[in-house]
Amino acid sequence: MRQESDDPGRVVPEYDSERRVYAVDYEKTGDTELSVTVVHAVMDVTGRDPTQVHLNDVVQPDALNAIFEDKHDGTPRRGGDLSFVLAGCKVEITNDGELLIDPSFEE
């Protein structure tokens, strides 16, 4: 499912047919925190509302934001990916600025 957003800072996930996942370039979301981008992207892909997407049950949002934000001197962090399951989707965040959502993930 793909929903259009009226929020100018919100990037709507695009389906990548080769990898069979929805992708978001989270570096293009501007000042929006990564944790918020993750929740919005999962909502967009699944059609769920905010009461059905509980990021806090999976990962602490402030820690998620800190892992992927620039260092204190402004240089980007390099290396490392993070993946977890949220609202029935496999969510993968890469350090090169990509957020991938697989709604067909089966544990």
Protein backbone atom coordinates (compact mmCIF):
# COMPACT_ATOMS: atom_id res chain seq x y z
CA MET A 1 0.00 0.00 0.00
CA ARG A 2 1.31 3.44 -0.85
CA GLN A 3 -0.11 6.65 0.51
CA GLU A 4 0.65 10.17 -0.63
CA SER A 5 1.78 12.63 2.01
CA ASP A 6 0.82 16.27 2.34
CA ASP A 7 3.70 16.80 4.76
CA PRO A 8 6.58 18.41 2.80
CA GLY A 9 9.23 16.88 5.13
CA ARG A 10 7.87 13.37 4.78
CA VAL A 11 9.29 11.01 2.19
CA VAL A 12 6.87 8.33 0.98
CA PRO A 13 8.38 4.83 0.54
CA GLU A 14 8.94 3.72 -3.04
CA TYR A 15 8.67 0.07 -4.03
CA ASP A 16 11.93 -1.46 -5.26
CA SER A 17 10.80 -4.40 -7.41
CA GLU A 18 14.31 -5.87 -7.72
CA ARG A 19 14.77 -6.21 -3.97
CA ARG A 20 11.03 -6.58 -3.24
CA VAL A 21 11.10 -4.00 -0.48
CA TYR A 22 9.95 -0.44 0.03
CA ALA A 23 12.79 2.06 0.30
CA VAL A 24 13.21 5.52 1.78
CA ASP A 25 16.30 7.70 1.57
CA TYR A 26 16.07 8.90 5.16
CA GLU A 27 18.74 11.54 4.62
CA LYS A 28 16.21 13.38 2.43
CA THR A 29 13.74 13.70 5.30
CA GLY A 30 15.43 16.87 6.50
CA ASP A 31 15.04 17.58 10.19
CA THR A 32 12.65 14.69 10.78
CA GLU A 33 14.10 12.23 13.28
CA LEU A 34 14.90 8.78 11.94
CA SER A 35 12.55 7.15 14.46
CA VAL A 36 9.65 9.24 13.18
CA THR A 37 10.57 8.41 9.58
CA VAL A 38 10.57 4.69 10.43
CA VAL A 39 7.11 4.84 12.00
CA HIS A 40 5.66 6.89 9.14
CA ALA A 41 7.18 4.59 6.51
CA VAL A 42 5.79 1.46 8.18
CA MET A 43 2.39 3.14 8.45
CA ASP A 44 2.52 4.08 4.76
CA VAL A 45 3.50 0.57 3.66
CA THR A 46 1.07 -1.32 5.89
CA GLY A 47 -1.84 1.11 6.03
CA ARG A 48 -1.80 0.93 9.84
CA ASP A 49 -2.51 3.90 12.06
CA PRO A 50 -0.10 5.20 14.74
CA THR A 51 -1.77 3.21 17.52
CA GLN A 52 -0.77 0.00 15.72
CA VAL A 53 2.93 0.79 15.18
CA HIS A 54 4.77 0.55 18.51
CA LEU A 55 8.42 1.41 17.93
CA ASN A 56 9.08 1.60 21.69
CA ASP A 57 8.32 -2.12 21.96
CA VAL A 58 11.20 -2.87 19.60
CA VAL A 59 13.85 -0.19 19.97
CA GLN A 60 14.27 2.97 22.03
CA PRO A 61 13.62 5.88 19.59
CA ASP A 62 16.27 8.23 21.03
CA ALA A 63 18.89 5.48 20.79
CA LEU A 64 17.88 4.74 17.19
CA ASN A 65 18.23 8.41 16.30
CA ALA A 66 21.64 8.63 17.99
CA ILE A 67 23.05 5.55 16.26
CA PHE A 68 22.61 7.05 12.80
CA GLU A 69 23.10 10.78 13.40
CA ASP A 70 26.33 12.57 12.60
CA LYS A 71 29.11 12.61 15.18
CA HIS A 72 29.45 15.62 17.46
CA ASP A 73 32.05 17.15 15.12
CA GLY A 74 29.60 16.92 12.20
CA THR A 75 31.25 14.04 10.37
CA PRO A 76 28.99 11.19 9.33
CA ARG A 77 29.11 7.84 11.08
CA ARG A 78 30.20 5.01 8.79
CA GLY A 79 29.58 1.30 8.87
CA GLY A 80 26.88 -0.69 10.53
CA ASP A 81 23.30 -1.57 9.77
CA LEU A 82 20.37 -2.27 12.06
CA SER A 83 17.37 -4.48 11.45
CA PHE A 84 14.31 -5.35 13.50
CA VAL A 85 10.69 -6.40 13.06
CA LEU A 86 8.01 -3.73 13.49
CA ALA A 87 4.28 -4.19 12.86
CA GLY A 88 4.95 -7.40 10.94
CA CYS A 89 7.56 -5.81 8.67
CA LYS A 90 11.29 -6.35 8.57
CA VAL A 91 12.86 -2.92 8.89
CA GLU A 92 16.48 -2.45 7.90
CA ILE A 93 18.38 0.79 8.34
CA THR A 94 21.70 1.15 6.60
CA ASN A 95 24.39 3.65 7.39
CA ASP A 96 24.40 4.86 3.80
CA GLY A 97 21.05 6.56 4.36
CA GLU A 98 18.61 3.88 3.31
CA LEU A 99 15.56 2.60 5.15
CA LEU A 100 14.16 -0.66 3.77
CA ILE A 101 10.79 -2.15 4.69
CA ASP A 102 9.75 -5.69 3.82
CA PRO A 103 6.03 -6.14 4.58
CA SER A 104 6.08 -9.78 3.47
CA PHE A 105 8.67 -10.77 6.08
CA GLU A 106 7.94 -13.98 7.92
CA GLU A 107 9.72 -14.78 11.16
